[in-house]
Amino acid sequence: MATPSLTLVVGSKNYSSWSLRPYLALAHTGQPFEEVVIALDRPDTAANIASHSPSGRVPALRHGELTVWDSLSICEYLAETFPQAQLWPQDPAARAVARSVSAEMHSGFGALRQNLGMNIRARKPGVGLTAPGVAEDIARIQALWTECRTRFGAGGPFLFGRFSIADAMFAPVVTRFVTYGVLLDATLAAYRDAVLALPAMEAWTRAALAEPPVARYE
């Protein structure tokens, strides 16, 4: 029986933070997959997304006849479908914390999202950092990263040592911290650099830099 094909539908790579997350998780599985990249903020964007995603949003994953949407749901599906990739930590306590921080990233940090939009190619040091709530969001993220690296990070350079869904969930924040010049201590700067050095992150960044700018997000 033929293996069902995998297709990940994503938005413009320079701006679509939600699309980056499952892309990194899927790349980590080592499974071959196709990409459909839908340019954002064009007259046909909504129709193009709707033809792939029942929610009308990106990302969406097609695996054979199945469609899965929402970044965290896609990551969870990949973890269950390809357990050999170990997308969640094996230790139960570490796994529980990894799920908690991933869910917090998924549902929180509204001030950071609103004022520090993902724009991989841009360099805007200091822009947006004084907006209400942004400093608190940044402090909370730094505290989470520090706690995860201190408690669970001994086995490698990522939040829980090995790469996990938690790192995929925070990867767009890593790019935001570079774009807006957020200062990090040595431990967190090393973590930032480890995420940026992932081959899949480097491939995504190259594609993002090659895209035309979208005025609405600039």
N, C-alpha and C. Protein backbone atom coordinates (compact mmCIF):
# COMPACT_ATOMS: atom_id res chain seq x y z
N MET A 1 0.85 -1.19 0.00
CA MET A 1 0.00 0.00 0.00
C MET A 1 0.89 1.25 0.00
N ALA A 2 0.56 2.19 -0.87
CA ALA A 2 1.35 3.41 -0.97
C ALA A 2 1.20 4.24 0.30
N THR A 3 2.29 4.89 0.70
CA THR A 3 2.25 5.77 1.86
C THR A 3 1.51 7.05 1.50
N PRO A 4 0.54 7.49 2.31
CA PRO A 4 -0.17 8.73 2.00
C PRO A 4 0.80 9.90 1.91
N SER A 5 0.55 10.79 0.95
CA SER A 5 1.44 11.92 0.77
C SER A 5 1.11 13.02 1.77
N LEU A 6 2.12 13.81 2.09
CA LEU A 6 1.99 14.93 3.02
C LEU A 6 2.14 16.24 2.26
N THR A 7 1.21 17.14 2.49
CA THR A 7 1.28 18.49 1.91
C THR A 7 0.98 19.49 3.00
N LEU A 8 1.87 20.47 3.17
CA LEU A 8 1.66 21.52 4.15
C LEU A 8 1.35 22.82 3.41
N VAL A 9 0.21 23.41 3.75
CA VAL A 9 -0.21 24.66 3.15
C VAL A 9 0.14 25.79 4.12
N VAL A 10 0.91 26.76 3.65
CA VAL A 10 1.40 27.83 4.52
C VAL A 10 1.15 29.18 3.86
N GLY A 11 1.24 30.22 4.67
CA GLY A 11 1.17 31.58 4.15
C GLY A 11 2.56 32.12 3.85
N SER A 12 2.61 33.35 3.40
CA SER A 12 3.89 34.00 3.07
C SER A 12 4.90 33.79 4.20
N LYS A 13 6.08 33.30 3.84
CA LYS A 13 7.01 32.84 4.87
C LYS A 13 7.63 33.97 5.68
N ASN A 14 7.69 35.15 5.11
CA ASN A 14 8.27 36.26 5.86
C ASN A 14 7.38 36.70 7.01
N TYR A 15 6.08 36.41 6.92
CA TYR A 15 5.13 36.97 7.88
C TYR A 15 4.32 35.93 8.65
N SER A 16 4.15 34.74 8.12
CA SER A 16 3.19 33.80 8.70
C SER A 16 3.82 33.00 9.83
N SER A 17 3.74 33.54 11.03
CA SER A 17 4.31 32.87 12.20
C SER A 17 3.63 31.54 12.47
N TRP A 18 2.31 31.48 12.27
CA TRP A 18 1.60 30.22 12.54
C TRP A 18 2.04 29.13 11.57
N SER A 19 2.40 29.50 10.35
CA SER A 19 2.82 28.50 9.37
C SER A 19 4.21 27.94 9.68
N LEU A 20 5.08 28.78 10.22
CA LEU A 20 6.44 28.33 10.53
C LEU A 20 6.45 27.18 11.52
N ARG A 21 5.56 27.21 12.49
CA ARG A 21 5.60 26.23 13.58
C ARG A 21 5.45 24.79 13.08
N PRO A 22 4.38 24.45 12.37
CA PRO A 22 4.28 23.06 11.90
C PRO A 22 5.29 22.71 10.82
N TYR A 23 5.77 23.71 10.09
CA TYR A 23 6.82 23.45 9.11
C TYR A 23 8.06 22.87 9.79
N LEU A 24 8.48 23.48 10.90
CA LEU A 24 9.65 22.98 11.61
C LEU A 24 9.40 21.59 12.18
N ALA A 25 8.21 21.38 12.72
CA ALA A 25 7.90 20.06 13.27
C ALA A 25 7.87 19.00 12.18
N LEU A 26 7.25 19.31 11.06
CA LEU A 26 7.18 18.36 9.96
C LEU A 26 8.57 18.07 9.40
N ALA A 27 9.38 19.09 9.23
CA ALA A 27 10.74 18.87 8.75
C ALA A 27 11.51 17.97 9.69
N HIS A 28 11.26 18.11 10.99
CA HIS A 28 11.98 17.31 11.98
C HIS A 28 11.63 15.83 11.88
N THR A 29 10.45 15.50 11.39
CA THR A 29 10.10 14.08 11.26
C THR A 29 10.93 13.38 10.20
N GLY A 30 11.51 14.14 9.28
CA GLY A 30 12.27 13.53 8.20
C GLY A 30 11.41 13.00 7.08
N GLN A 31 10.10 13.17 7.16
CA GLN A 31 9.21 12.68 6.12
C GLN A 31 9.22 13.62 4.92
N PRO A 32 9.18 13.08 3.71
CA PRO A 32 9.07 13.96 2.54
C PRO A 32 7.69 14.63 2.52
N PHE A 33 7.67 15.87 2.10
CA PHE A 33 6.39 16.57 2.01
C PHE A 33 6.47 17.65 0.95
N GLU A 34 5.31 18.02 0.46
CA GLU A 34 5.19 19.12 -0.49
C GLU A 34 4.68 20.35 0.24
N GLU A 35 4.98 21.50 -0.32
CA GLU A 35 4.50 22.76 0.25
C GLU A 35 3.61 23.48 -0.75
N VAL A 36 2.59 24.10 -0.24
CA VAL A 36 1.81 25.07 -1.00
C VAL A 36 1.92 26.38 -0.24
N VAL A 37 2.52 27.38 -0.87
CA VAL A 37 2.70 28.69 -0.23
C VAL A 37 1.69 29.66 -0.83
N ILE A 38 0.84 30.21 0.02
CA ILE A 38 -0.19 31.15 -0.43
C ILE A 38 0.21 32.56 -0.02
N ALA A 39 0.38 33.42 -1.00
CA ALA A 39 0.76 34.81 -0.72
C ALA A 39 -0.37 35.50 0.04
N LEU A 40 0.00 36.24 1.08
CA LEU A 40 -0.98 36.92 1.92
C LEU A 40 -1.34 38.29 1.35
N ASP A 41 -2.53 38.75 1.73
CA ASP A 41 -3.01 40.09 1.43
C ASP A 41 -3.08 40.37 -0.07
N ARG A 42 -3.59 39.37 -0.81
CA ARG A 42 -3.89 39.56 -2.22
C ARG A 42 -5.39 39.35 -2.42
N PRO A 43 -5.92 39.83 -3.54
CA PRO A 43 -7.37 39.68 -3.76
C PRO A 43 -7.84 38.23 -3.72
N ASP A 44 -6.98 37.29 -4.12
CA ASP A 44 -7.39 35.89 -4.16
C ASP A 44 -6.91 35.08 -2.96
N THR A 45 -6.33 35.75 -1.95
CA THR A 45 -5.77 35.02 -0.82
C THR A 45 -6.82 34.20 -0.09
N ALA A 46 -7.94 34.81 0.25
CA ALA A 46 -8.96 34.11 1.02
C ALA A 46 -9.50 32.90 0.26
N ALA A 47 -9.73 33.06 -1.03
CA ALA A 47 -10.25 31.95 -1.82
C ALA A 47 -9.22 30.84 -1.93
N ASN A 48 -7.96 31.20 -2.09
CA ASN A 48 -6.91 30.18 -2.19
C ASN A 48 -6.79 29.40 -0.89
N ILE A 49 -6.83 30.10 0.24
CA ILE A 49 -6.74 29.40 1.52
C ILE A 49 -7.95 28.50 1.73
N ALA A 50 -9.14 29.02 1.40
CA ALA A 50 -10.36 28.24 1.61
C ALA A 50 -10.38 26.96 0.79
N SER A 51 -9.66 26.94 -0.32
CA SER A 51 -9.62 25.73 -1.14
C SER A 51 -8.78 24.63 -0.50
N HIS A 52 -8.00 24.98 0.54
CA HIS A 52 -7.15 24.00 1.21
C HIS A 52 -7.53 23.78 2.66
N SER A 53 -8.08 24.79 3.32
CA SER A 53 -8.26 24.75 4.77
C SER A 53 -9.73 25.00 5.13
N PRO A 54 -10.35 24.10 5.87
CA PRO A 54 -11.75 24.31 6.24
C PRO A 54 -11.98 25.49 7.16
N SER A 55 -10.93 25.92 7.87
CA SER A 55 -11.07 27.07 8.77
C SER A 55 -10.89 28.40 8.05
N GLY A 56 -10.43 28.34 6.80
CA GLY A 56 -10.13 29.57 6.07
C GLY A 56 -8.86 30.23 6.54
N ARG A 57 -8.02 29.49 7.25
CA ARG A 57 -6.75 30.02 7.75
C ARG A 57 -5.62 29.05 7.43
N VAL A 58 -4.41 29.58 7.37
CA VAL A 58 -3.23 28.74 7.27
C VAL A 58 -2.57 28.69 8.65
N PRO A 59 -1.88 27.58 8.91
CA PRO A 59 -1.53 26.47 8.04
C PRO A 59 -2.60 25.39 8.03
N ALA A 60 -2.44 24.47 7.07
CA ALA A 60 -3.24 23.25 7.03
C ALA A 60 -2.34 22.14 6.52
N LEU A 61 -2.55 20.96 7.04
CA LEU A 61 -1.78 19.78 6.62
C LEU A 61 -2.73 18.79 5.97
N ARG A 62 -2.36 18.33 4.76
CA ARG A 62 -3.07 17.23 4.13
C ARG A 62 -2.20 15.98 4.21
N HIS A 63 -2.77 14.92 4.72
CA HIS A 63 -2.09 13.63 4.80
C HIS A 63 -3.01 12.61 4.16
N GLY A 64 -2.78 12.33 2.89
CA GLY A 64 -3.72 11.50 2.16
C GLY A 64 -5.06 12.22 2.06
N GLU A 65 -6.12 11.57 2.53
CA GLU A 65 -7.46 12.15 2.47
C GLU A 65 -7.78 13.03 3.68
N LEU A 66 -6.90 13.03 4.65
CA LEU A 66 -7.15 13.77 5.90
C LEU A 66 -6.59 15.17 5.82
N THR A 67 -7.35 16.15 6.33
CA THR A 67 -6.86 17.52 6.49
C THR A 67 -6.87 17.87 7.97
N VAL A 68 -5.76 18.39 8.45
CA VAL A 68 -5.63 18.85 9.83
C VAL A 68 -5.27 20.33 9.78
N TRP A 69 -5.92 21.14 10.59
CA TRP A 69 -5.62 22.57 10.59
C TRP A 69 -5.33 23.04 12.02
N ASP A 70 -4.79 24.23 12.12
CA ASP A 70 -4.31 24.84 13.36
C ASP A 70 -2.91 24.31 13.69
N SER A 71 -2.01 25.24 13.98
CA SER A 71 -0.59 24.90 14.17
C SER A 71 -0.37 23.83 15.23
N LEU A 72 -0.95 24.02 16.40
CA LEU A 72 -0.70 23.08 17.48
C LEU A 72 -1.33 21.73 17.19
N SER A 73 -2.51 21.71 16.59
CA SER A 73 -3.14 20.45 16.23
C SER A 73 -2.31 19.69 15.20
N ILE A 74 -1.75 20.40 14.25
CA ILE A 74 -0.88 19.75 13.26
C ILE A 74 0.34 19.14 13.95
N CYS A 75 0.94 19.90 14.84
CA CYS A 75 2.12 19.39 15.55
C CYS A 75 1.77 18.15 16.37
N GLU A 76 0.65 18.18 17.05
CA GLU A 76 0.22 17.01 17.82
C GLU A 76 -0.02 15.81 16.91
N TYR A 77 -0.64 16.04 15.77
CA TYR A 77 -0.88 14.95 14.83
C TYR A 77 0.44 14.35 14.34
N LEU A 78 1.40 15.20 14.05
CA LEU A 78 2.71 14.71 13.60
C LEU A 78 3.39 13.90 14.70
N ALA A 79 3.28 14.34 15.95
CA ALA A 79 3.89 13.62 17.06
C ALA A 79 3.28 12.23 17.19
N GLU A 80 1.98 12.11 17.00
CA GLU A 80 1.31 10.82 17.11
C GLU A 80 1.58 9.93 15.90
N THR A 81 1.64 10.52 14.72
CA THR A 81 1.79 9.75 13.49
C THR A 81 3.21 9.28 13.28
N PHE A 82 4.17 10.08 13.73
CA PHE A 82 5.59 9.75 13.54
C PHE A 82 6.30 9.75 14.90
N PRO A 83 5.97 8.79 15.76
CA PRO A 83 6.52 8.81 17.12
C PRO A 83 8.04 8.69 17.15
N GLN A 84 8.62 8.12 16.11
CA GLN A 84 10.07 7.99 16.09
C GLN A 84 10.77 9.35 16.07
N ALA A 85 10.07 10.39 15.69
CA ALA A 85 10.66 11.73 15.66
C ALA A 85 10.78 12.33 17.05
N GLN A 86 10.06 11.77 18.03
CA GLN A 86 10.12 12.24 19.42
C GLN A 86 9.91 13.76 19.49
N LEU A 87 8.79 14.18 18.95
CA LEU A 87 8.49 15.62 18.94
C LEU A 87 8.09 16.15 20.31
N TRP A 88 7.72 15.28 21.23
CA TRP A 88 7.55 15.65 22.63
C TRP A 88 8.64 14.97 23.45
N PRO A 89 9.08 15.57 24.56
CA PRO A 89 10.06 14.91 25.43
C PRO A 89 9.52 13.56 25.91
N GLN A 90 10.42 12.62 26.12
CA GLN A 90 10.04 11.29 26.57
C GLN A 90 9.70 11.26 28.05
N ASP A 91 10.37 12.05 28.86
CA ASP A 91 10.09 12.09 30.30
C ASP A 91 8.71 12.71 30.54
N PRO A 92 7.84 12.07 31.34
CA PRO A 92 6.48 12.58 31.53
C PRO A 92 6.42 13.99 32.09
N ALA A 93 7.28 14.31 33.05
CA ALA A 93 7.25 15.66 33.63
C ALA A 93 7.69 16.69 32.59
N ALA A 94 8.76 16.39 31.86
CA ALA A 94 9.22 17.32 30.83
C ALA A 94 8.16 17.47 29.75
N ARG A 95 7.51 16.37 29.39
CA ARG A 95 6.48 16.42 28.36
C ARG A 95 5.29 17.28 28.81
N ALA A 96 4.90 17.16 30.07
CA ALA A 96 3.81 17.97 30.59
C ALA A 96 4.14 19.45 30.54
N VAL A 97 5.36 19.79 30.91
CA VAL A 97 5.76 21.21 30.88
C VAL A 97 5.87 21.68 29.43
N ALA A 98 6.39 20.85 28.56
CA ALA A 98 6.51 21.23 27.14
C ALA A 98 5.14 21.51 26.55
N ARG A 99 4.16 20.68 26.90
CA ARG A 99 2.79 20.93 26.41
C ARG A 99 2.24 22.23 27.00
N SER A 100 2.55 22.48 28.26
CA SER A 100 2.05 23.68 28.91
C SER A 100 2.61 24.94 28.27
N VAL A 101 3.92 24.97 28.04
CA VAL A 101 4.51 26.18 27.46
C VAL A 101 4.07 26.35 26.01
N SER A 102 3.87 25.24 25.30
CA SER A 102 3.39 25.32 23.92
C SER A 102 1.98 25.88 23.87
N ALA A 103 1.12 25.40 24.77
CA ALA A 103 -0.25 25.91 24.82
C ALA A 103 -0.29 27.37 25.23
N GLU A 104 0.59 27.78 26.15
CA GLU A 104 0.64 29.19 26.55
C GLU A 104 1.04 30.06 25.37
N MET A 105 2.01 29.59 24.59
CA MET A 105 2.40 30.36 23.40
C MET A 105 1.26 30.41 22.40
N HIS A 106 0.54 29.32 22.27
CA HIS A 106 -0.55 29.23 21.30
C HIS A 106 -1.68 30.20 21.63
N SER A 107 -1.95 30.40 22.91
CA SER A 107 -3.14 31.17 23.30
C SER A 107 -2.83 32.54 23.88
N GLY A 108 -1.56 32.84 24.15
CA GLY A 108 -1.24 34.06 24.87
C GLY A 108 -0.37 35.03 24.10
N PHE A 109 0.19 35.97 24.86
CA PHE A 109 1.16 36.95 24.36
C PHE A 109 0.55 37.85 23.27
N GLY A 110 -0.65 38.32 23.53
CA GLY A 110 -1.35 39.15 22.56
C GLY A 110 -0.66 40.47 22.28
N ALA A 111 -0.07 41.08 23.30
CA ALA A 111 0.60 42.37 23.09
C ALA A 111 1.80 42.20 22.18
N LEU A 112 2.56 41.14 22.39
CA LEU A 112 3.72 40.90 21.54
C LEU A 112 3.28 40.65 20.10
N ARG A 113 2.25 39.84 19.93
CA ARG A 113 1.77 39.53 18.57
C ARG A 113 1.32 40.81 17.86
N GLN A 114 0.61 41.68 18.58
CA GLN A 114 0.04 42.87 17.96
C GLN A 114 1.11 43.89 17.59
N ASN A 115 2.11 44.02 18.42
CA ASN A 115 3.07 45.10 18.24
C ASN A 115 4.40 44.69 17.64
N LEU A 116 4.71 43.39 17.67
CA LEU A 116 5.97 42.89 17.13
C LEU A 116 5.67 41.78 16.13
N GLY A 117 5.03 42.15 15.03
CA GLY A 117 4.67 41.15 14.04
C GLY A 117 5.90 40.48 13.43
N MET A 118 5.74 39.21 13.04
CA MET A 118 6.89 38.52 12.44
C MET A 118 7.21 39.13 11.09
N ASN A 119 8.46 39.50 10.91
CA ASN A 119 8.97 40.06 9.66
C ASN A 119 10.45 39.70 9.62
N ILE A 120 10.75 38.55 9.05
CA ILE A 120 12.09 37.98 9.16
C ILE A 120 13.13 38.89 8.52
N ARG A 121 12.80 39.52 7.40
CA ARG A 121 13.81 40.31 6.70
C ARG A 121 14.06 41.67 7.34
N ALA A 122 13.13 42.15 8.16
CA ALA A 122 13.23 43.51 8.68
C ALA A 122 14.18 43.59 9.87
N ARG A 123 14.70 44.77 10.10
CA ARG A 123 15.47 45.08 11.31
C ARG A 123 14.94 46.40 11.84
N LYS A 124 14.19 46.31 12.96
CA LYS A 124 13.52 47.47 13.54
C LYS A 124 13.83 47.54 15.03
N PRO A 125 15.10 47.73 15.40
CA PRO A 125 15.44 47.67 16.82
C PRO A 125 14.68 48.69 17.64
N GLY A 126 14.03 48.21 18.70
CA GLY A 126 13.31 49.07 19.61
C GLY A 126 11.88 49.36 19.25
N VAL A 127 11.49 49.13 18.01
CA VAL A 127 10.13 49.45 17.57
C VAL A 127 9.14 48.54 18.31
N GLY A 128 8.11 49.14 18.88
CA GLY A 128 7.05 48.38 19.53
C GLY A 128 7.35 47.92 20.95
N LEU A 129 8.58 48.06 21.40
CA LEU A 129 8.94 47.48 22.69
C LEU A 129 8.32 48.22 23.87
N THR A 130 7.93 49.48 23.67
CA THR A 130 7.33 50.24 24.77
C THR A 130 5.80 50.22 24.73
N ALA A 131 5.21 49.51 23.79
CA ALA A 131 3.75 49.42 23.73
C ALA A 131 3.22 48.69 24.96
N PRO A 132 2.01 49.02 25.40
CA PRO A 132 1.46 48.40 26.61
C PRO A 132 1.47 46.87 26.53
N GLY A 133 2.00 46.24 27.55
CA GLY A 133 1.99 44.79 27.66
C GLY A 133 3.14 44.07 27.01
N VAL A 134 3.88 44.74 26.14
CA VAL A 134 4.95 44.06 25.42
C VAL A 134 6.08 43.65 26.35
N ALA A 135 6.51 44.56 27.22
CA ALA A 135 7.61 44.23 28.14
C ALA A 135 7.24 43.05 29.03
N GLU A 136 5.98 43.01 29.45
CA GLU A 136 5.53 41.89 30.29
C GLU A 136 5.53 40.58 29.51
N ASP A 137 5.10 40.62 28.26
CA ASP A 137 5.13 39.41 27.44
C ASP A 137 6.56 38.92 27.23
N ILE A 138 7.46 39.85 26.93
CA ILE A 138 8.86 39.46 26.72
C ILE A 138 9.45 38.87 27.99
N ALA A 139 9.17 39.47 29.13
CA ALA A 139 9.70 38.96 30.39
C ALA A 139 9.17 37.56 30.68
N ARG A 140 7.90 37.33 30.39
CA ARG A 140 7.33 36.00 30.61
C ARG A 140 7.97 34.96 29.70
N ILE A 141 8.18 35.30 28.45
CA ILE A 141 8.83 34.37 27.52
C ILE A 141 10.25 34.07 27.98
N GLN A 142 10.98 35.08 28.38
CA GLN A 142 12.34 34.85 28.84
C GLN A 142 12.35 33.96 30.09
N ALA A 143 11.38 34.17 30.98
CA ALA A 143 11.31 33.33 32.18
C ALA A 143 11.00 31.88 31.82
N LEU A 144 10.09 31.68 30.87
CA LEU A 144 9.78 30.33 30.42
C LEU A 144 11.01 29.65 29.82
N TRP A 145 11.68 30.35 28.93
CA TRP A 145 12.87 29.77 28.30
C TRP A 145 13.92 29.42 29.34
N THR A 146 14.14 30.32 30.29
CA THR A 146 15.15 30.08 31.31
C THR A 146 14.79 28.85 32.14
N GLU A 147 13.54 28.77 32.56
CA GLU A 147 13.11 27.63 33.37
C GLU A 147 13.26 26.32 32.61
N CYS A 148 12.84 26.30 31.36
CA CYS A 148 12.93 25.06 30.58
C CYS A 148 14.38 24.65 30.36
N ARG A 149 15.21 25.61 30.00
CA ARG A 149 16.63 25.28 29.77
C ARG A 149 17.28 24.81 31.07
N THR A 150 16.95 25.44 32.19
CA THR A 150 17.56 25.08 33.47
C THR A 150 17.10 23.71 33.95
N ARG A 151 15.80 23.45 33.87
CA ARG A 151 15.25 22.21 34.41
C ARG A 151 15.40 21.01 33.47
N PHE A 152 15.29 21.25 32.17
CA PHE A 152 15.16 20.13 31.25
C PHE A 152 16.14 20.16 30.08
N GLY A 153 17.00 21.16 30.00
CA GLY A 153 17.78 21.37 28.78
C GLY A 153 19.16 20.76 28.74
N ALA A 154 19.47 19.90 29.70
CA ALA A 154 20.84 19.39 29.77
C ALA A 154 21.23 18.54 28.57
N GLY A 155 20.27 17.94 27.87
CA GLY A 155 20.60 17.01 26.80
C GLY A 155 20.83 17.63 25.44
N GLY A 156 20.84 18.94 25.33
CA GLY A 156 21.05 19.58 24.05
C GLY A 156 20.79 21.06 24.14
N PRO A 157 20.77 21.77 22.99
CA PRO A 157 20.69 23.24 23.01
C PRO A 157 19.28 23.80 23.03
N PHE A 158 18.26 22.93 23.05
CA PHE A 158 16.89 23.41 22.93
C PHE A 158 16.20 23.44 24.29
N LEU A 159 14.96 23.88 24.32
CA LEU A 159 14.27 24.09 25.60
C LEU A 159 14.26 22.84 26.46
N PHE A 160 14.09 21.68 25.82
CA PHE A 160 14.06 20.42 26.55
C PHE A 160 15.20 19.51 26.10
N GLY A 161 16.31 20.12 25.77
CA GLY A 161 17.47 19.38 25.31
C GLY A 161 17.37 19.11 23.82
N ARG A 162 16.63 18.06 23.46
CA ARG A 162 16.35 17.76 22.07
C ARG A 162 15.29 18.72 21.53
N PHE A 163 15.31 18.90 20.22
CA PHE A 163 14.26 19.70 19.58
C PHE A 163 12.90 19.09 19.86
N SER A 164 11.91 19.95 20.13
CA SER A 164 10.56 19.49 20.40
C SER A 164 9.55 20.49 19.82
N ILE A 165 8.29 20.13 19.93
CA ILE A 165 7.22 21.03 19.49
C ILE A 165 7.31 22.37 20.21
N ALA A 166 7.77 22.37 21.45
CA ALA A 166 7.90 23.64 22.17
C ALA A 166 8.82 24.60 21.43
N ASP A 167 9.90 24.10 20.86
CA ASP A 167 10.80 24.96 20.10
C ASP A 167 10.14 25.46 18.82
N ALA A 168 9.37 24.59 18.17
CA ALA A 168 8.64 25.02 16.99
C ALA A 168 7.66 26.12 17.33
N MET A 169 7.00 26.00 18.47
CA MET A 169 6.01 27.00 18.86
C MET A 169 6.66 28.36 19.14
N PHE A 170 7.87 28.37 19.66
CA PHE A 170 8.53 29.63 20.00
C PHE A 170 9.44 30.15 18.89
N ALA A 171 9.62 29.40 17.81
CA ALA A 171 10.53 29.84 16.75
C ALA A 171 10.15 31.21 16.18
N PRO A 172 8.86 31.50 15.96
CA PRO A 172 8.55 32.85 15.47
C PRO A 172 8.94 33.95 16.45
N VAL A 173 8.89 33.66 17.75
CA VAL A 173 9.33 34.64 18.74
C VAL A 173 10.83 34.88 18.62
N VAL A 174 11.57 33.81 18.35
CA VAL A 174 13.01 33.96 18.12
C VAL A 174 13.26 34.97 17.00
N THR A 175 12.52 34.84 15.90
CA THR A 175 12.73 35.78 14.79
C THR A 175 12.31 37.19 15.18
N ARG A 176 11.25 37.32 15.96
CA ARG A 176 10.82 38.65 16.41
C ARG A 176 11.89 39.29 17.29
N PHE A 177 12.49 38.53 18.16
CA PHE A 177 13.53 39.09 19.03
C PHE A 177 14.70 39.61 18.22
N VAL A 178 15.01 38.96 17.10
CA VAL A 178 16.06 39.46 16.21
C VAL A 178 15.59 40.72 15.51
N THR A 179 14.40 40.69 14.95
CA THR A 179 13.88 41.82 14.18
C THR A 179 13.82 43.09 15.02
N TYR A 180 13.36 42.98 16.27
CA TYR A 180 13.12 44.16 17.09
C TYR A 180 14.21 44.41 18.13
N GLY A 181 15.30 43.65 18.03
CA GLY A 181 16.47 43.92 18.86
C GLY A 181 16.26 43.66 20.34
N VAL A 182 15.53 42.60 20.68
CA VAL A 182 15.33 42.27 22.09
C VAL A 182 16.62 41.66 22.65
N LEU A 183 17.10 42.24 23.74
CA LEU A 183 18.35 41.79 24.34
C LEU A 183 18.11 40.53 25.16
N LEU A 184 19.04 39.58 25.06
CA LEU A 184 18.96 38.32 25.78
C LEU A 184 20.26 38.06 26.51
N ASP A 185 20.16 37.36 27.64
CA ASP A 185 21.39 36.96 28.33
C ASP A 185 22.07 35.85 27.53
N ALA A 186 23.24 35.44 27.99
CA ALA A 186 24.05 34.50 27.21
C ALA A 186 23.34 33.16 27.00
N THR A 187 22.65 32.68 28.02
CA THR A 187 21.95 31.40 27.91
C THR A 187 20.85 31.46 26.87
N LEU A 188 20.05 32.51 26.92
CA LEU A 188 18.93 32.62 25.99
C LEU A 188 19.40 33.01 24.59
N ALA A 189 20.49 33.76 24.48
CA ALA A 189 21.06 34.05 23.16
C ALA A 189 21.56 32.78 22.49
N ALA A 190 22.13 31.87 23.28
CA ALA A 190 22.57 30.59 22.73
C ALA A 190 21.38 29.77 22.24
N TYR A 191 20.29 29.81 23.00
CA TYR A 191 19.08 29.12 22.56
C TYR A 191 18.56 29.73 21.26
N ARG A 192 18.46 31.05 21.22
CA ARG A 192 18.04 31.74 19.99
C ARG A 192 18.87 31.28 18.80
N ASP A 193 20.17 31.25 18.97
CA ASP A 193 21.06 30.91 17.87
C ASP A 193 20.90 29.45 17.45
N ALA A 194 20.61 28.57 18.41
CA ALA A 194 20.38 27.16 18.07
C ALA A 194 19.14 27.00 17.21
N VAL A 195 18.08 27.75 17.53
CA VAL A 195 16.88 27.69 16.70
C VAL A 195 17.15 28.24 15.31
N LEU A 196 17.83 29.37 15.23
CA LEU A 196 18.11 29.97 13.93
C LEU A 196 19.01 29.08 13.07
N ALA A 197 19.82 28.23 13.71
CA ALA A 197 20.74 27.37 12.97
C ALA A 197 20.12 26.05 12.52
N LEU A 198 18.89 25.77 12.92
CA LEU A 198 18.23 24.57 12.42
C LEU A 198 18.19 24.60 10.89
N PRO A 199 18.56 23.51 10.21
CA PRO A 199 18.51 23.53 8.74
C PRO A 199 17.15 23.91 8.19
N ALA A 200 16.08 23.44 8.83
CA ALA A 200 14.74 23.81 8.35
C ALA A 200 14.47 25.29 8.56
N MET A 201 14.97 25.86 9.66
CA MET A 201 14.79 27.29 9.90
C MET A 201 15.59 28.09 8.88
N GLU A 202 16.77 27.63 8.56
CA GLU A 202 17.58 28.33 7.57
C GLU A 202 16.91 28.28 6.19
N ALA A 203 16.32 27.13 5.85
CA ALA A 203 15.63 27.01 4.56
C ALA A 203 14.41 27.93 4.51
N TRP A 204 13.65 27.97 5.61
CA TRP A 204 12.48 28.86 5.68
C TRP A 204 12.93 30.32 5.54
N THR A 205 14.01 30.69 6.22
CA THR A 205 14.49 32.07 6.17
C THR A 205 14.92 32.46 4.76
N ARG A 206 15.62 31.56 4.08
CA ARG A 206 16.02 31.86 2.70
C ARG A 206 14.80 32.12 1.83
N ALA A 207 13.78 31.30 1.98
CA ALA A 207 12.57 31.49 1.19
C ALA A 207 11.87 32.80 1.57
N ALA A 208 11.86 33.12 2.87
CA ALA A 208 11.23 34.37 3.32
C ALA A 208 11.93 35.59 2.72
N LEU A 209 13.24 35.56 2.69
CA LEU A 209 14.00 36.70 2.17
C LEU A 209 13.79 36.88 0.68
N ALA A 210 13.43 35.80 -0.01
CA ALA A 210 13.24 35.87 -1.47
C ALA A 210 11.84 36.33 -1.86
N GLU A 211 10.92 36.40 -0.90
CA GLU A 211 9.55 36.79 -1.21
C GLU A 211 9.44 38.31 -1.41
N PRO A 212 8.50 38.74 -2.24
CA PRO A 212 8.26 40.18 -2.33
C PRO A 212 7.60 40.69 -1.05
N PRO A 213 7.89 41.92 -0.64
CA PRO A 213 7.25 42.46 0.55
C PRO A 213 5.75 42.68 0.35
N VAL A 214 5.01 42.60 1.45
CA VAL A 214 3.58 42.87 1.45
C VAL A 214 3.37 44.14 2.26
N ALA A 215 2.87 45.17 1.64
CA ALA A 215 2.82 46.50 2.24
C ALA A 215 2.10 46.50 3.58
N ARG A 216 1.01 45.73 3.68
CA ARG A 216 0.22 45.73 4.92
C ARG A 216 1.05 45.30 6.13
N TYR A 217 2.01 44.42 5.91
CA TYR A 217 2.79 43.88 7.03
C TYR A 217 4.12 44.59 7.20
N GLU A 218 4.39 45.54 6.36
CA GLU A 218 5.65 46.28 6.47
C GLU A 218 5.48 47.57 7.25
